[in-house]
Amino acid sequence: MKKNSRLIVKKLQVTEKSARLAEKENKYFFIVNASSNKIEIKGAVEELYKVSVSKVNTVNYSGKLKRERTMKYGRKSDWKRAIVTLAEGSKIELT
């Protein structure tokens, strides 16, 4: 069963580092579903942005432990970042 591309790729992450890498090395950062694999991410990015993907790297981040004033502890959600390298000639407009 194929997942919806919008459920796999949550958003394009634009930071100073990601903007610099997009300009120099044609790499873009995406926040993705934590259960998605590299093949699903590649297909979703190609479908959503109409570009050709050459490589996908992923990084898993664990959620931070947060404390309230009342000494109650909570936890931020775990998340996953995908660093997608596009093929020569492909580009995503950063807005």
PDB file of N, CA and C in Angstrom:
ATOM      1  N   MET A   1       0.830  -1.174   0.000  1.00  0.00           N
ATOM      2  CA  MET A   1       0.000   0.000   0.000  1.00  0.00           C
ATOM      3  C   MET A   1       0.883   1.249   0.000  1.00  0.00           C
ATOM      4  N   LYS A   2       0.675   2.121  -0.957  1.00  0.00           N
ATOM      5  CA  LYS A   2       1.487   3.313  -1.103  1.00  0.00           C
ATOM      6  C   LYS A   2       0.980   4.417  -0.184  1.00  0.00           C
ATOM      7  N   LYS A   3       1.914   5.090   0.500  1.00  0.00           N
ATOM      8  CA  LYS A   3       1.561   6.204   1.371  1.00  0.00           C
ATOM      9  C   LYS A   3       1.380   7.470   0.539  1.00  0.00           C
ATOM     10  N   ASN A   4       0.589   8.382   1.048  1.00  0.00           N
ATOM     11  CA  ASN A   4       0.409   9.679   0.417  1.00  0.00           C
ATOM     12  C   ASN A   4       1.701  10.485   0.573  1.00  0.00           C
ATOM     13  N   SER A   5       2.123  11.169  -0.484  1.00  0.00           N
ATOM     14  CA  SER A   5       3.368  11.935  -0.454  1.00  0.00           C
ATOM     15  C   SER A   5       3.338  13.048   0.582  1.00  0.00           C
ATOM     16  N   ARG A   6       2.179  13.650   0.784  1.00  0.00           N
ATOM     17  CA  ARG A   6       2.047  14.722   1.780  1.00  0.00           C
ATOM     18  C   ARG A   6       2.178  14.186   3.204  1.00  0.00           C
ATOM     19  N   LEU A   7       1.903  12.901   3.423  1.00  0.00           N
ATOM     20  CA  LEU A   7       2.078  12.309   4.747  1.00  0.00           C
ATOM     21  C   LEU A   7       3.540  11.949   4.998  1.00  0.00           C
ATOM     22  N   ILE A   8       4.291  11.701   3.945  1.00  0.00           N
ATOM     23  CA  ILE A   8       5.707  11.356   4.084  1.00  0.00           C
ATOM     24  C   ILE A   8       6.539  12.615   4.306  1.00  0.00           C
ATOM     25  N   VAL A   9       6.406  13.594   3.409  1.00  0.00           N
ATOM     26  CA  VAL A   9       7.159  14.846   3.510  1.00  0.00           C
ATOM     27  C   VAL A   9       6.268  15.873   4.191  1.00  0.00           C
ATOM     28  N   LYS A  10       6.643  16.263   5.412  1.00  0.00           N
ATOM     29  CA  LYS A  10       5.826  17.216   6.158  1.00  0.00           C
ATOM     30  C   LYS A  10       6.083  18.645   5.707  1.00  0.00           C
ATOM     31  N   LYS A  11       7.368  19.038   5.644  1.00  0.00           N
ATOM     32  CA  LYS A  11       7.671  20.397   5.193  1.00  0.00           C
ATOM     33  C   LYS A  11       9.132  20.515   4.790  1.00  0.00           C
ATOM     34  N   LEU A  12       9.405  21.532   3.995  1.00  0.00           N
ATOM     35  CA  LEU A  12      10.757  21.896   3.602  1.00  0.00           C
ATOM     36  C   LEU A  12      11.328  22.763   4.709  1.00  0.00           C
ATOM     37  N   GLN A  13      12.491  22.392   5.232  1.00  0.00           N
ATOM     38  CA  GLN A  13      13.087  23.129   6.338  1.00  0.00           C
ATOM     39  C   GLN A  13      14.082  24.139   5.772  1.00  0.00           C
ATOM     40  N   VAL A  14      13.807  25.426   5.987  1.00  0.00           N
ATOM     41  CA  VAL A  14      14.679  26.483   5.478  1.00  0.00           C
ATOM     42  C   VAL A  14      15.362  27.161   6.656  1.00  0.00           C
ATOM     43  N   THR A  15      16.677  26.961   6.750  1.00  0.00           N
ATOM     44  CA  THR A  15      17.510  27.605   7.759  1.00  0.00           C
ATOM     45  C   THR A  15      18.703  28.215   7.039  1.00  0.00           C
ATOM     46  N   GLU A  16      19.576  28.882   7.774  1.00  0.00           N
ATOM     47  CA  GLU A  16      20.775  29.447   7.154  1.00  0.00           C
ATOM     48  C   GLU A  16      21.639  28.339   6.559  1.00  0.00           C
ATOM     49  N   LYS A  17      21.802  27.265   7.301  1.00  0.00           N
ATOM     50  CA  LYS A  17      22.622  26.151   6.828  1.00  0.00           C
ATOM     51  C   LYS A  17      21.998  25.488   5.605  1.00  0.00           C
ATOM     52  N   SER A  18      20.689  25.251   5.639  1.00  0.00           N
ATOM     53  CA  SER A  18      20.045  24.582   4.507  1.00  0.00           C
ATOM     54  C   SER A  18      20.041  25.468   3.266  1.00  0.00           C
ATOM     55  N   ALA A  19      19.888  26.777   3.438  1.00  0.00           N
ATOM     56  CA  ALA A  19      19.926  27.685   2.290  1.00  0.00           C
ATOM     57  C   ALA A  19      21.316  27.708   1.661  1.00  0.00           C
ATOM     58  N   ARG A  20      22.347  27.676   2.493  1.00  0.00           N
ATOM     59  CA  ARG A  20      23.727  27.657   1.988  1.00  0.00           C
ATOM     60  C   ARG A  20      24.019  26.360   1.235  1.00  0.00           C
ATOM     61  N   LEU A  21      23.590  25.223   1.791  1.00  0.00           N
ATOM     62  CA  LEU A  21      23.817  23.940   1.118  1.00  0.00           C
ATOM     63  C   LEU A  21      22.988  23.806  -0.156  1.00  0.00           C
ATOM     64  N   ALA A  22      21.806  24.396  -0.175  1.00  0.00           N
ATOM     65  CA  ALA A  22      20.979  24.358  -1.382  1.00  0.00           C
ATOM     66  C   ALA A  22      21.653  25.125  -2.506  1.00  0.00           C
ATOM     67  N   GLU A  23      22.269  26.240  -2.163  1.00  0.00           N
ATOM     68  CA  GLU A  23      22.927  27.065  -3.166  1.00  0.00           C
ATOM     69  C   GLU A  23      24.223  26.434  -3.670  1.00  0.00           C
ATOM     70  N   LYS A  24      25.042  25.906  -2.747  1.00  0.00           N
ATOM     71  CA  LYS A  24      26.363  25.400  -3.121  1.00  0.00           C
ATOM     72  C   LYS A  24      26.350  23.953  -3.609  1.00  0.00           C
ATOM     73  N   GLU A  25      25.642  23.071  -2.891  1.00  0.00           N
ATOM     74  CA  GLU A  25      25.735  21.636  -3.165  1.00  0.00           C
ATOM     75  C   GLU A  25      24.436  21.008  -3.642  1.00  0.00           C
ATOM     76  N   ASN A  26      23.391  21.816  -3.835  1.00  0.00           N
ATOM     77  CA  ASN A  26      22.096  21.328  -4.328  1.00  0.00           C
ATOM     78  C   ASN A  26      21.467  20.307  -3.371  1.00  0.00           C
ATOM     79  N   LYS A  27      21.592  20.575  -2.045  1.00  0.00           N
ATOM     80  CA  LYS A  27      21.014  19.715  -1.007  1.00  0.00           C
ATOM     81  C   LYS A  27      19.899  20.475  -0.301  1.00  0.00           C
ATOM     82  N   TYR A  28      18.794  19.778  -0.046  1.00  0.00           N
ATOM     83  CA  TYR A  28      17.632  20.389   0.585  1.00  0.00           C
ATOM     84  C   TYR A  28      17.227  19.573   1.803  1.00  0.00           C
ATOM     85  N   PHE A  29      16.775  20.259   2.866  1.00  0.00           N
ATOM     86  CA  PHE A  29      16.393  19.615   4.118  1.00  0.00           C
ATOM     87  C   PHE A  29      14.880  19.535   4.205  1.00  0.00           C
ATOM     88  N   PHE A  30      14.373  18.361   4.579  1.00  0.00           N
ATOM     89  CA  PHE A  30      12.944  18.149   4.743  1.00  0.00           C
ATOM     90  C   PHE A  30      12.679  17.522   6.101  1.00  0.00           C
ATOM     91  N   ILE A  31      11.580  17.929   6.753  1.00  0.00           N
ATOM     92  CA  ILE A  31      11.078  17.237   7.932  1.00  0.00           C
ATOM     93  C   ILE A  31      10.133  16.170   7.396  1.00  0.00           C
ATOM     94  N   VAL A  32      10.391  14.909   7.751  1.00  0.00           N
ATOM     95  CA  VAL A  32       9.621  13.803   7.191  1.00  0.00           C
ATOM     96  C   VAL A  32       9.023  12.954   8.307  1.00  0.00           C
ATOM     97  N   ASN A  33       8.111  12.084   7.924  1.00  0.00           N
ATOM     98  CA  ASN A  33       7.497  11.142   8.851  1.00  0.00           C
ATOM     99  C   ASN A  33       8.587  10.213   9.388  1.00  0.00           C
ATOM    100  N   ALA A  34       8.601   9.988  10.693  1.00  0.00           N
ATOM    101  CA  ALA A  34       9.663   9.207  11.323  1.00  0.00           C
ATOM    102  C   ALA A  34       9.690   7.753  10.872  1.00  0.00           C
ATOM    103  N   SER A  35       8.577   7.232  10.371  1.00  0.00           N
ATOM    104  CA  SER A  35       8.548   5.835   9.951  1.00  0.00           C
ATOM    105  C   SER A  35       8.835   5.659   8.459  1.00  0.00           C
ATOM    106  N   SER A  36       9.109   6.733   7.746  1.00  0.00           N
ATOM    107  CA  SER A  36       9.371   6.648   6.307  1.00  0.00           C
ATOM    108  C   SER A  36      10.816   6.234   6.050  1.00  0.00           C
ATOM    109  N   ASN A  37      11.016   5.471   4.980  1.00  0.00           N
ATOM    110  CA  ASN A  37      12.372   5.077   4.610  1.00  0.00           C
ATOM    111  C   ASN A  37      12.864   5.932   3.437  1.00  0.00           C
ATOM    112  N   LYS A  38      14.121   5.725   3.041  1.00  0.00           N
ATOM    113  CA  LYS A  38      14.737   6.563   2.015  1.00  0.00           C
ATOM    114  C   LYS A  38      14.060   6.423   0.658  1.00  0.00           C
ATOM    115  N   ILE A  39      13.605   5.243   0.322  1.00  0.00           N
ATOM    116  CA  ILE A  39      12.952   5.011  -0.968  1.00  0.00           C
ATOM    117  C   ILE A  39      11.631   5.771  -1.030  1.00  0.00           C
ATOM    118  N   GLU A  40      10.853   5.727   0.049  1.00  0.00           N
ATOM    119  CA  GLU A  40       9.585   6.461   0.101  1.00  0.00           C
ATOM    120  C   GLU A  40       9.820   7.970   0.041  1.00  0.00           C
ATOM    121  N   ILE A  41      10.844   8.443   0.742  1.00  0.00           N
ATOM    122  CA  ILE A  41      11.155   9.870   0.749  1.00  0.00           C
ATOM    123  C   ILE A  41      11.557  10.335  -0.646  1.00  0.00           C
ATOM    124  N   LYS A  42      12.382   9.558  -1.322  1.00  0.00           N
ATOM    125  CA  LYS A  42      12.815   9.907  -2.681  1.00  0.00           C
ATOM    126  C   LYS A  42      11.611  10.015  -3.620  1.00  0.00           C
ATOM    127  N   GLY A  43      10.725   9.037  -3.576  1.00  0.00           N
ATOM    128  CA  GLY A  43       9.542   9.058  -4.432  1.00  0.00           C
ATOM    129  C   GLY A  43       8.621  10.226  -4.127  1.00  0.00           C
ATOM    130  N   ALA A  44       8.458  10.543  -2.843  1.00  0.00           N
ATOM    131  CA  ALA A  44       7.570  11.638  -2.452  1.00  0.00           C
ATOM    132  C   ALA A  44       8.119  12.991  -2.892  1.00  0.00           C
ATOM    133  N   VAL A  45       9.421  13.212  -2.736  1.00  0.00           N
ATOM    134  CA  VAL A  45      10.026  14.484  -3.148  1.00  0.00           C
ATOM    135  C   VAL A  45       9.944  14.639  -4.662  1.00  0.00           C
ATOM    136  N   GLU A  46      10.204  13.561  -5.397  1.00  0.00           N
ATOM    137  CA  GLU A  46      10.115  13.627  -6.859  1.00  0.00           C
ATOM    138  C   GLU A  46       8.691  13.919  -7.312  1.00  0.00           C
ATOM    139  N   GLU A  47       7.709  13.351  -6.622  1.00  0.00           N
ATOM    140  CA  GLU A  47       6.310  13.565  -6.992  1.00  0.00           C
ATOM    141  C   GLU A  47       5.826  14.970  -6.632  1.00  0.00           C
ATOM    142  N   LEU A  48       6.175  15.448  -5.444  1.00  0.00           N
ATOM    143  CA  LEU A  48       5.679  16.745  -4.982  1.00  0.00           C
ATOM    144  C   LEU A  48       6.344  17.929  -5.676  1.00  0.00           C
ATOM    145  N   TYR A  49       7.660  17.855  -5.879  1.00  0.00           N
ATOM    146  CA  TYR A  49       8.405  19.000  -6.388  1.00  0.00           C
ATOM    147  C   TYR A  49       8.823  18.859  -7.855  1.00  0.00           C
ATOM    148  N   LYS A  50       8.511  17.729  -8.487  1.00  0.00           N
ATOM    149  CA  LYS A  50       8.810  17.500  -9.913  1.00  0.00           C
ATOM    150  C   LYS A  50      10.301  17.709 -10.208  1.00  0.00           C
ATOM    151  N   VAL A  51      11.152  17.064  -9.395  1.00  0.00           N
ATOM    152  CA  VAL A  51      12.600  17.136  -9.559  1.00  0.00           C
ATOM    153  C   VAL A  51      13.163  15.723  -9.598  1.00  0.00           C
ATOM    154  N   SER A  52      14.432  15.612  -9.949  1.00  0.00           N
ATOM    155  CA  SER A  52      15.114  14.324  -9.981  1.00  0.00           C
ATOM    156  C   SER A  52      16.053  14.241  -8.774  1.00  0.00           C
ATOM    157  N   VAL A  53      15.866  13.228  -7.936  1.00  0.00           N
ATOM    158  CA  VAL A  53      16.654  13.053  -6.711  1.00  0.00           C
ATOM    159  C   VAL A  53      17.772  12.055  -6.975  1.00  0.00           C
ATOM    160  N   SER A  54      19.001  12.418  -6.577  1.00  0.00           N
ATOM    161  CA  SER A  54      20.117  11.496  -6.764  1.00  0.00           C
ATOM    162  C   SER A  54      20.504  10.768  -5.476  1.00  0.00           C
ATOM    163  N   LYS A  55      20.256  11.384  -4.304  1.00  0.00           N
ATOM    164  CA  LYS A  55      20.695  10.768  -3.050  1.00  0.00           C
ATOM    165  C   LYS A  55      19.840  11.267  -1.888  1.00  0.00           C
ATOM    166  N   VAL A  56      19.604  10.394  -0.898  1.00  0.00           N
ATOM    167  CA  VAL A  56      18.841  10.757   0.303  1.00  0.00           C
ATOM    168  C   VAL A  56      19.607  10.279   1.536  1.00  0.00           C
ATOM    169  N   ASN A  57      19.827  11.200   2.476  1.00  0.00           N
ATOM    170  CA  ASN A  57      20.394  10.868   3.778  1.00  0.00           C
ATOM    171  C   ASN A  57      19.360  11.222   4.835  1.00  0.00           C
ATOM    172  N   THR A  58      19.270  10.416   5.896  1.00  0.00           N
ATOM    173  CA  THR A  58      18.296  10.684   6.949  1.00  0.00           C
ATOM    174  C   THR A  58      18.983  10.763   8.305  1.00  0.00           C
ATOM    175  N   VAL A  59      18.397  11.568   9.190  1.00  0.00           N
ATOM    176  CA  VAL A  59      18.888  11.723  10.557  1.00  0.00           C
ATOM    177  C   VAL A  59      17.687  11.645  11.486  1.00  0.00           C
ATOM    178  N   ASN A  60      17.756  10.781  12.500  1.00  0.00           N
ATOM    179  CA  ASN A  60      16.695  10.669  13.499  1.00  0.00           C
ATOM    180  C   ASN A  60      17.059  11.513  14.714  1.00  0.00           C
ATOM    181  N   TYR A  61      16.111  12.317  15.180  1.00  0.00           N
ATOM    182  CA  TYR A  61      16.296  13.146  16.360  1.00  0.00           C
ATOM    183  C   TYR A  61      15.339  12.674  17.443  1.00  0.00           C
ATOM    184  N   SER A  62      15.842  12.577  18.674  1.00  0.00           N
ATOM    185  CA  SER A  62      14.960  12.204  19.777  1.00  0.00           C
ATOM    186  C   SER A  62      14.406  13.477  20.412  1.00  0.00           C
ATOM    187  N   GLY A  63      13.165  13.405  20.869  1.00  0.00           N
ATOM    188  CA  GLY A  63      12.511  14.565  21.465  1.00  0.00           C
ATOM    189  C   GLY A  63      13.123  14.919  22.806  1.00  0.00           C
ATOM    190  N   LYS A  64      13.142  16.210  23.096  1.00  0.00           N
ATOM    191  CA  LYS A  64      13.730  16.681  24.341  1.00  0.00           C
ATOM    192  C   LYS A  64      12.746  16.526  25.498  1.00  0.00           C
ATOM    193  N   LEU A  65      13.288  16.338  26.686  1.00  0.00           N
ATOM    194  CA  LEU A  65      12.487  16.277  27.903  1.00  0.00           C
ATOM    195  C   LEU A  65      12.273  17.705  28.394  1.00  0.00           C
ATOM    196  N   LYS A  66      11.036  18.085  28.632  1.00  0.00           N
ATOM    197  CA  LYS A  66      10.700  19.438  29.067  1.00  0.00           C
ATOM    198  C   LYS A  66      10.044  19.392  30.440  1.00  0.00           C
ATOM    199  N   ARG A  67      10.304  20.431  31.261  1.00  0.00           N
ATOM    200  CA  ARG A  67       9.751  20.500  32.601  1.00  0.00           C
ATOM    201  C   ARG A  67       8.940  21.776  32.740  1.00  0.00           C
ATOM    202  N   GLU A  68       7.763  21.655  33.344  1.00  0.00           N
ATOM    203  CA  GLU A  68       6.923  22.817  33.619  1.00  0.00           C
ATOM    204  C   GLU A  68       7.231  23.342  35.015  1.00  0.00           C
ATOM    205  N   ARG A  69       6.654  24.464  35.356  1.00  0.00           N
ATOM    206  CA  ARG A  69       6.874  25.051  36.680  1.00  0.00           C
ATOM    207  C   ARG A  69       6.335  24.184  37.802  1.00  0.00           C
ATOM    208  N   THR A  70       5.341  23.389  37.513  1.00  0.00           N
ATOM    209  CA  THR A  70       4.727  22.558  38.546  1.00  0.00           C
ATOM    210  C   THR A  70       5.444  21.220  38.704  1.00  0.00           C
ATOM    211  N   MET A  71       6.660  21.140  38.174  1.00  0.00           N
ATOM    212  CA  MET A  71       7.486  19.933  38.267  1.00  0.00           C
ATOM    213  C   MET A  71       6.897  18.751  37.502  1.00  0.00           C
ATOM    214  N   LYS A  72       6.056  19.039  36.541  1.00  0.00           N
ATOM    215  CA  LYS A  72       5.558  17.989  35.664  1.00  0.00           C
ATOM    216  C   LYS A  72       6.482  17.898  34.466  1.00  0.00           C
ATOM    217  N   TYR A  73       6.763  16.694  34.057  1.00  0.00           N
ATOM    218  CA  TYR A  73       7.647  16.493  32.923  1.00  0.00           C
ATOM    219  C   TYR A  73       6.851  16.087  31.691  1.00  0.00           C
ATOM    220  N   GLY A  74       7.273  16.589  30.576  1.00  0.00           N
ATOM    221  CA  GLY A  74       6.687  16.219  29.298  1.00  0.00           C
ATOM    222  C   GLY A  74       7.814  15.957  28.316  1.00  0.00           C
ATOM    223  N   ARG A  75       7.447  15.540  27.140  1.00  0.00           N
ATOM    224  CA  ARG A  75       8.466  15.204  26.153  1.00  0.00           C
ATOM    225  C   ARG A  75       8.026  15.701  24.786  1.00  0.00           C
ATOM    226  N   LYS A  76       8.957  16.344  24.082  1.00  0.00           N
ATOM    227  CA  LYS A  76       8.705  16.737  22.697  1.00  0.00           C
ATOM    228  C   LYS A  76       8.745  15.481  21.832  1.00  0.00           C
ATOM    229  N   SER A  77       8.113  15.526  20.695  1.00  0.00           N
ATOM    230  CA  SER A  77       8.048  14.365  19.813  1.00  0.00           C
ATOM    231  C   SER A  77       9.392  14.090  19.145  1.00  0.00           C
ATOM    232  N   ASP A  78       9.653  12.817  18.874  1.00  0.00           N
ATOM    233  CA  ASP A  78      10.801  12.441  18.061  1.00  0.00           C
ATOM    234  C   ASP A  78      10.510  12.848  16.622  1.00  0.00           C
ATOM    235  N   TRP A  79      11.560  13.167  15.851  1.00  0.00           N
ATOM    236  CA  TRP A  79      11.353  13.569  14.471  1.00  0.00           C
ATOM    237  C   TRP A  79      12.519  13.133  13.600  1.00  0.00           C
ATOM    238  N   LYS A  80      12.325  13.234  12.309  1.00  0.00           N
ATOM    239  CA  LYS A  80      13.313  12.772  11.344  1.00  0.00           C
ATOM    240  C   LYS A  80      13.539  13.846  10.293  1.00  0.00           C
ATOM    241  N   ARG A  81      14.805  14.054   9.944  1.00  0.00           N
ATOM    242  CA  ARG A  81      15.177  14.996   8.890  1.00  0.00           C
ATOM    243  C   ARG A  81      15.773  14.213   7.726  1.00  0.00           C
ATOM    244  N   ALA A  82      15.382  14.592   6.527  1.00  0.00           N
ATOM    245  CA  ALA A  82      15.956  14.000   5.319  1.00  0.00           C
ATOM    246  C   ALA A  82      16.743  15.074   4.589  1.00  0.00           C
ATOM    247  N   ILE A  83      17.979  14.755   4.226  1.00  0.00           N
ATOM    248  CA  ILE A  83      18.810  15.649   3.430  1.00  0.00           C
ATOM    249  C   ILE A  83      18.828  15.065   2.026  1.00  0.00           C
ATOM    250  N   VAL A  84      18.181  15.762   1.101  1.00  0.00           N
ATOM    251  CA  VAL A  84      17.969  15.256  -0.253  1.00  0.00           C
ATOM    252  C   VAL A  84      18.902  15.984  -1.207  1.00  0.00           C
ATOM    253  N   THR A  85      19.723  15.218  -1.930  1.00  0.00           N
ATOM    254  CA  THR A  85      20.595  15.780  -2.953  1.00  0.00           C
ATOM    255  C   THR A  85      19.916  15.608  -4.297  1.00  0.00           C
ATOM    256  N   LEU A  86      19.769  16.713  -5.019  1.00  0.00           N
ATOM    257  CA  LEU A  86      19.116  16.679  -6.321  1.00  0.00           C
ATOM    258  C   LEU A  86      20.136  16.460  -7.426  1.00  0.00           C
ATOM    259  N   ALA A  87      19.670  15.914  -8.537  1.00  0.00           N
ATOM    260  CA  ALA A  87      20.517  15.693  -9.702  1.00  0.00           C
ATOM    261  C   ALA A  87      20.868  17.035 -10.335  1.00  0.00           C
ATOM    262  N   GLU A  88      21.897  17.020 -11.175  1.00  0.00           N
ATOM    263  CA  GLU A  88      22.308  18.230 -11.887  1.00  0.00           C
ATOM    264  C   GLU A  88      21.148  18.785 -12.696  1.00  0.00           C
ATOM    265  N   GLY A  89      20.958  20.092 -12.625  1.00  0.00           N
ATOM    266  CA  GLY A  89      19.894  20.735 -13.385  1.00  0.00           C
ATOM    267  C   GLY A  89      18.566  20.821 -12.658  1.00  0.00           C
ATOM    268  N   SER A  90      18.397  20.102 -11.562  1.00  0.00           N
ATOM    269  CA  SER A  90      17.159  20.170 -10.778  1.00  0.00           C
ATOM    270  C   SER A  90      17.322  21.204  -9.676  1.00  0.00           C
ATOM    271  N   LYS A  91      16.233  21.906  -9.374  1.00  0.00           N
ATOM    272  CA  LYS A  91      16.290  22.932  -8.344  1.00  0.00           C
ATOM    273  C   LYS A  91      14.904  23.132  -7.746  1.00  0.00           C
ATOM    274  N   ILE A  92      14.859  23.414  -6.428  1.00  0.00           N
ATOM    275  CA  ILE A  92      13.623  23.750  -5.732  1.00  0.00           C
ATOM    276  C   ILE A  92      13.735  25.208  -5.311  1.00  0.00           C
ATOM    277  N   GLU A  93      12.715  25.988  -5.601  1.00  0.00           N
ATOM    278  CA  GLU A  93      12.716  27.401  -5.222  1.00  0.00           C
ATOM    279  C   GLU A  93      12.434  27.528  -3.726  1.00  0.00           C
ATOM    280  N   LEU A  94      13.354  28.157  -2.989  1.00  0.00           N
ATOM    281  CA  LEU A  94      13.169  28.391  -1.557  1.00  0.00           C
ATOM    282  C   LEU A  94      12.384  29.680  -1.376  1.00  0.00           C
ATOM    283  N   THR A  95      11.261  29.593  -0.679  1.00  0.00           N
ATOM    284  CA  THR A  95      10.451  30.791  -0.458  1.00  0.00           C
ATOM    285  C   THR A  95      10.212  31.022   1.006  1.00  0.00           C
TER     286      THR A  95
END
